[in-house]
C-alpha cells in the first residue's frame, strides 16, 4: 500500500450531496465542507467532511486512525469509534 499524495485540500460549497468521510452521514447540497483529493494506490480519492468531523479527526489519537478508518466508524463530530 502506497502513501497518499495530497492534491487538493480546501473548503468548498457542495453542488451535490456527499457522504462524510468520517461519520458517513449525508452532507446535503449546498453545504460548506472540507474537501480533500489525493492519489492512493494508483487511484484518485475524494473526501468531503463535516467541519465538526474534520476537527474530530484532528483531535483523534494517532493510533486510532493511522491504520485508516471507514466512513461511518465514528459518530458525527466525535472521536468515539462506534465499532470498538
N, C-alpha and C. Protein backbone atom coordinates (compact mmCIF):
# COMPACT_ATOMS: atom_id res chain seq x y z
N UNK A 1 0.85 -1.17 0.00
CA UNK A 1 0.00 0.00 0.00
C UNK A 1 0.89 1.23 0.00
N UNK A 2 0.64 2.12 -0.93
CA UNK A 2 1.43 3.34 -1.01
C UNK A 2 0.87 4.42 -0.11
N UNK A 3 1.68 5.42 0.16
CA UNK A 3 1.22 6.56 0.94
C UNK A 3 0.44 7.51 0.03
N UNK A 4 -0.57 8.15 0.57
CA UNK A 4 -1.35 9.08 -0.27
C UNK A 4 -0.55 10.33 -0.60
N UNK A 5 -0.86 10.91 -1.75
CA UNK A 5 -0.27 12.18 -2.16
C UNK A 5 -1.43 13.17 -2.27
N UNK A 6 -1.41 14.18 -1.42
CA UNK A 6 -2.49 15.16 -1.37
C UNK A 6 -2.44 16.07 -2.58
N UNK A 7 -3.55 16.18 -3.30
CA UNK A 7 -3.64 17.03 -4.48
C UNK A 7 -4.40 18.32 -4.20
N UNK A 8 -5.47 18.22 -3.39
CA UNK A 8 -6.27 19.40 -3.03
C UNK A 8 -6.69 19.28 -1.58
N UNK A 9 -6.75 20.41 -0.92
CA UNK A 9 -7.16 20.48 0.48
C UNK A 9 -7.74 21.87 0.68
N UNK A 10 -9.07 21.97 0.61
CA UNK A 10 -9.69 23.29 0.69
C UNK A 10 -11.12 23.20 1.20
N UNK A 11 -11.69 24.36 1.48
CA UNK A 11 -13.09 24.47 1.87
C UNK A 11 -13.89 24.79 0.61
N UNK A 12 -14.98 24.06 0.40
CA UNK A 12 -15.81 24.26 -0.78
C UNK A 12 -17.28 24.28 -0.39
N UNK A 13 -18.11 24.74 -1.30
CA UNK A 13 -19.56 24.64 -1.16
C UNK A 13 -20.00 23.54 -2.11
N UNK A 14 -20.62 22.50 -1.57
CA UNK A 14 -21.03 21.36 -2.39
C UNK A 14 -22.15 21.74 -3.36
N UNK A 15 -22.13 21.13 -4.53
CA UNK A 15 -23.21 21.30 -5.51
C UNK A 15 -24.16 20.11 -5.49
N UNK A 16 -23.67 18.98 -5.01
CA UNK A 16 -24.48 17.77 -4.87
C UNK A 16 -24.22 17.18 -3.48
N UNK A 17 -25.03 16.25 -3.06
CA UNK A 17 -24.85 15.60 -1.75
C UNK A 17 -23.67 14.63 -1.78
N UNK A 18 -23.00 14.50 -0.64
CA UNK A 18 -21.88 13.57 -0.49
C UNK A 18 -21.96 12.94 0.90
N UNK A 19 -21.34 11.80 1.07
CA UNK A 19 -21.22 11.19 2.39
C UNK A 19 -19.96 11.71 3.08
N UNK A 20 -20.06 11.97 4.36
CA UNK A 20 -18.91 12.44 5.13
C UNK A 20 -17.90 11.29 5.28
N UNK A 21 -16.62 11.62 5.08
CA UNK A 21 -15.57 10.61 5.17
C UNK A 21 -15.38 10.07 6.58
N UNK A 22 -15.85 10.77 7.59
CA UNK A 22 -15.66 10.37 8.99
C UNK A 22 -16.87 9.64 9.53
N UNK A 23 -18.02 10.31 9.51
CA UNK A 23 -19.21 9.73 10.14
C UNK A 23 -20.10 8.97 9.16
N UNK A 24 -19.93 9.22 7.87
CA UNK A 24 -20.72 8.55 6.87
C UNK A 24 -22.09 9.17 6.62
N UNK A 25 -22.46 10.17 7.42
CA UNK A 25 -23.76 10.82 7.24
C UNK A 25 -23.77 11.64 5.95
N UNK A 26 -24.94 11.79 5.39
CA UNK A 26 -25.10 12.56 4.18
C UNK A 26 -24.85 14.05 4.44
N UNK A 27 -24.10 14.66 3.58
CA UNK A 27 -23.88 16.11 3.59
C UNK A 27 -24.73 16.66 2.45
N UNK A 28 -25.81 17.36 2.77
CA UNK A 28 -26.69 17.85 1.70
C UNK A 28 -26.08 19.04 0.96
N UNK A 29 -26.52 19.24 -0.25
CA UNK A 29 -26.10 20.41 -1.02
C UNK A 29 -27.15 21.49 -0.87
N UNK A 30 -26.75 22.73 -0.81
CA UNK A 30 -25.38 23.23 -0.69
C UNK A 30 -24.94 23.24 0.76
N UNK A 31 -23.71 22.85 1.00
CA UNK A 31 -23.11 22.89 2.34
C UNK A 31 -21.64 23.29 2.20
N UNK A 32 -21.14 24.02 3.17
CA UNK A 32 -19.72 24.37 3.20
C UNK A 32 -18.99 23.26 3.94
N UNK A 33 -18.02 22.65 3.27
CA UNK A 33 -17.34 21.47 3.81
C UNK A 33 -15.84 21.51 3.53
N UNK A 34 -15.12 20.66 4.24
CA UNK A 34 -13.70 20.41 3.96
C UNK A 34 -13.65 19.40 2.82
N UNK A 35 -12.86 19.69 1.78
CA UNK A 35 -12.72 18.79 0.64
C UNK A 35 -11.26 18.44 0.47
N UNK A 36 -11.00 17.15 0.25
CA UNK A 36 -9.63 16.68 0.02
C UNK A 36 -9.64 15.72 -1.16
N UNK A 37 -8.65 15.87 -1.99
CA UNK A 37 -8.47 14.98 -3.14
C UNK A 37 -7.02 14.50 -3.12
N UNK A 38 -6.82 13.21 -3.32
CA UNK A 38 -5.46 12.68 -3.28
C UNK A 38 -5.37 11.41 -4.10
N UNK A 39 -4.15 11.03 -4.45
CA UNK A 39 -3.92 9.75 -5.11
C UNK A 39 -3.54 8.74 -4.04
N UNK A 40 -3.97 7.53 -4.25
CA UNK A 40 -3.66 6.46 -3.30
C UNK A 40 -3.76 5.13 -4.05
N UNK A 41 -2.70 4.36 -4.01
CA UNK A 41 -2.65 3.07 -4.70
C UNK A 41 -3.07 3.19 -6.17
N UNK A 42 -2.47 4.15 -6.86
CA UNK A 42 -2.69 4.36 -8.30
C UNK A 42 -4.12 4.75 -8.65
N UNK A 43 -4.86 5.29 -7.70
CA UNK A 43 -6.21 5.78 -7.96
C UNK A 43 -6.37 7.16 -7.35
N UNK A 44 -7.49 7.79 -7.66
CA UNK A 44 -7.79 9.12 -7.10
C UNK A 44 -8.92 8.97 -6.10
N UNK A 45 -8.76 9.58 -4.94
CA UNK A 45 -9.79 9.54 -3.90
C UNK A 45 -10.23 10.97 -3.61
N UNK A 46 -11.52 11.12 -3.33
CA UNK A 46 -12.11 12.39 -2.94
C UNK A 46 -12.80 12.20 -1.61
N UNK A 47 -12.67 13.19 -0.73
CA UNK A 47 -13.34 13.14 0.57
C UNK A 47 -14.00 14.47 0.87
N UNK A 48 -15.17 14.40 1.44
CA UNK A 48 -15.90 15.57 1.91
C UNK A 48 -16.15 15.37 3.39
N UNK A 49 -15.99 16.41 4.20
CA UNK A 49 -16.04 16.31 5.65
C UNK A 49 -16.94 17.38 6.25
N UNK A 50 -17.80 16.97 7.21
CA UNK A 50 -18.45 17.98 8.06
C UNK A 50 -17.33 18.70 8.81
N UNK A 51 -17.51 19.98 9.09
CA UNK A 51 -16.50 20.74 9.83
C UNK A 51 -16.19 20.08 11.18
N UNK A 52 -17.24 19.66 11.89
CA UNK A 52 -17.02 19.06 13.21
C UNK A 52 -16.35 17.69 13.12
N UNK A 53 -16.54 16.99 12.01
CA UNK A 53 -15.89 15.69 11.84
C UNK A 53 -14.40 15.88 11.52
N UNK A 54 -14.09 16.90 10.72
CA UNK A 54 -12.69 17.21 10.44
C UNK A 54 -11.96 17.56 11.74
N UNK A 55 -12.60 18.37 12.58
CA UNK A 55 -12.00 18.74 13.86
C UNK A 55 -11.83 17.51 14.75
N UNK A 56 -12.77 16.58 14.70
CA UNK A 56 -12.65 15.35 15.49
C UNK A 56 -11.44 14.54 15.03
N UNK A 57 -11.25 14.43 13.72
CA UNK A 57 -10.09 13.71 13.20
C UNK A 57 -8.80 14.35 13.70
N UNK A 58 -8.73 15.67 13.66
CA UNK A 58 -7.52 16.36 14.12
C UNK A 58 -7.27 16.16 15.61
N UNK A 59 -8.32 15.87 16.37
CA UNK A 59 -8.18 15.65 17.81
C UNK A 59 -8.11 14.17 18.19
N UNK A 60 -8.21 13.30 17.21
CA UNK A 60 -8.21 11.86 17.47
C UNK A 60 -6.81 11.38 17.84
N UNK A 61 -6.75 10.31 18.60
CA UNK A 61 -5.50 9.66 18.93
C UNK A 61 -4.90 9.09 17.64
N UNK A 62 -3.65 9.39 17.38
CA UNK A 62 -3.00 8.95 16.15
C UNK A 62 -3.12 7.43 15.97
N UNK A 63 -2.97 6.68 17.04
CA UNK A 63 -3.04 5.23 16.94
C UNK A 63 -4.41 4.75 16.48
N UNK A 64 -5.45 5.53 16.74
CA UNK A 64 -6.81 5.15 16.34
C UNK A 64 -7.06 5.33 14.86
N UNK A 65 -6.28 6.19 14.20
CA UNK A 65 -6.56 6.49 12.79
C UNK A 65 -5.40 6.22 11.84
N UNK A 66 -4.21 5.94 12.36
CA UNK A 66 -3.06 5.80 11.46
C UNK A 66 -3.18 4.60 10.53
N UNK A 67 -3.90 3.58 10.91
CA UNK A 67 -4.10 2.43 10.04
C UNK A 67 -5.30 2.60 9.12
N UNK A 68 -5.96 3.75 9.22
CA UNK A 68 -7.11 4.03 8.38
C UNK A 68 -8.40 3.95 9.15
N UNK A 69 -9.46 4.33 8.50
CA UNK A 69 -10.79 4.33 9.09
C UNK A 69 -11.78 4.21 7.95
N UNK A 70 -12.98 3.85 8.28
CA UNK A 70 -14.06 3.71 7.29
C UNK A 70 -15.14 4.71 7.63
N UNK A 71 -15.67 5.36 6.60
CA UNK A 71 -16.78 6.30 6.83
C UNK A 71 -17.89 5.58 7.58
N UNK A 72 -18.34 6.18 8.65
CA UNK A 72 -19.36 5.57 9.49
C UNK A 72 -18.81 4.92 10.73
N UNK A 73 -17.49 4.84 10.86
CA UNK A 73 -16.87 4.26 12.06
C UNK A 73 -17.06 5.15 13.28
N UNK A 74 -17.27 6.43 13.04
CA UNK A 74 -17.32 7.40 14.14
C UNK A 74 -18.65 8.15 14.15
N UNK A 75 -19.04 8.56 15.34
CA UNK A 75 -20.20 9.42 15.45
C UNK A 75 -19.84 10.79 14.90
N UNK A 76 -20.81 11.50 14.38
CA UNK A 76 -20.57 12.83 13.82
C UNK A 76 -19.93 13.75 14.85
N UNK A 77 -18.78 14.30 14.49
CA UNK A 77 -18.08 15.25 15.36
C UNK A 77 -17.43 14.64 16.58
N UNK A 78 -17.26 13.31 16.59
CA UNK A 78 -16.74 12.64 17.78
C UNK A 78 -15.56 11.74 17.42
N UNK A 79 -14.67 11.54 18.38
CA UNK A 79 -13.56 10.60 18.18
C UNK A 79 -13.95 9.19 18.61
N UNK A 80 -15.17 9.00 19.08
CA UNK A 80 -15.62 7.70 19.54
C UNK A 80 -15.88 6.78 18.33
N UNK A 81 -15.15 5.67 18.28
CA UNK A 81 -15.37 4.68 17.21
C UNK A 81 -16.53 3.79 17.65
N UNK A 82 -17.60 3.79 16.89
CA UNK A 82 -18.79 3.04 17.28
C UNK A 82 -18.64 1.54 17.05
N UNK A 83 -17.54 1.12 16.40
CA UNK A 83 -17.32 -0.29 16.14
C UNK A 83 -16.29 -0.90 17.08
N UNK A 84 -15.84 -0.14 18.07
CA UNK A 84 -14.83 -0.69 19.01
C UNK A 84 -15.51 -1.33 20.20
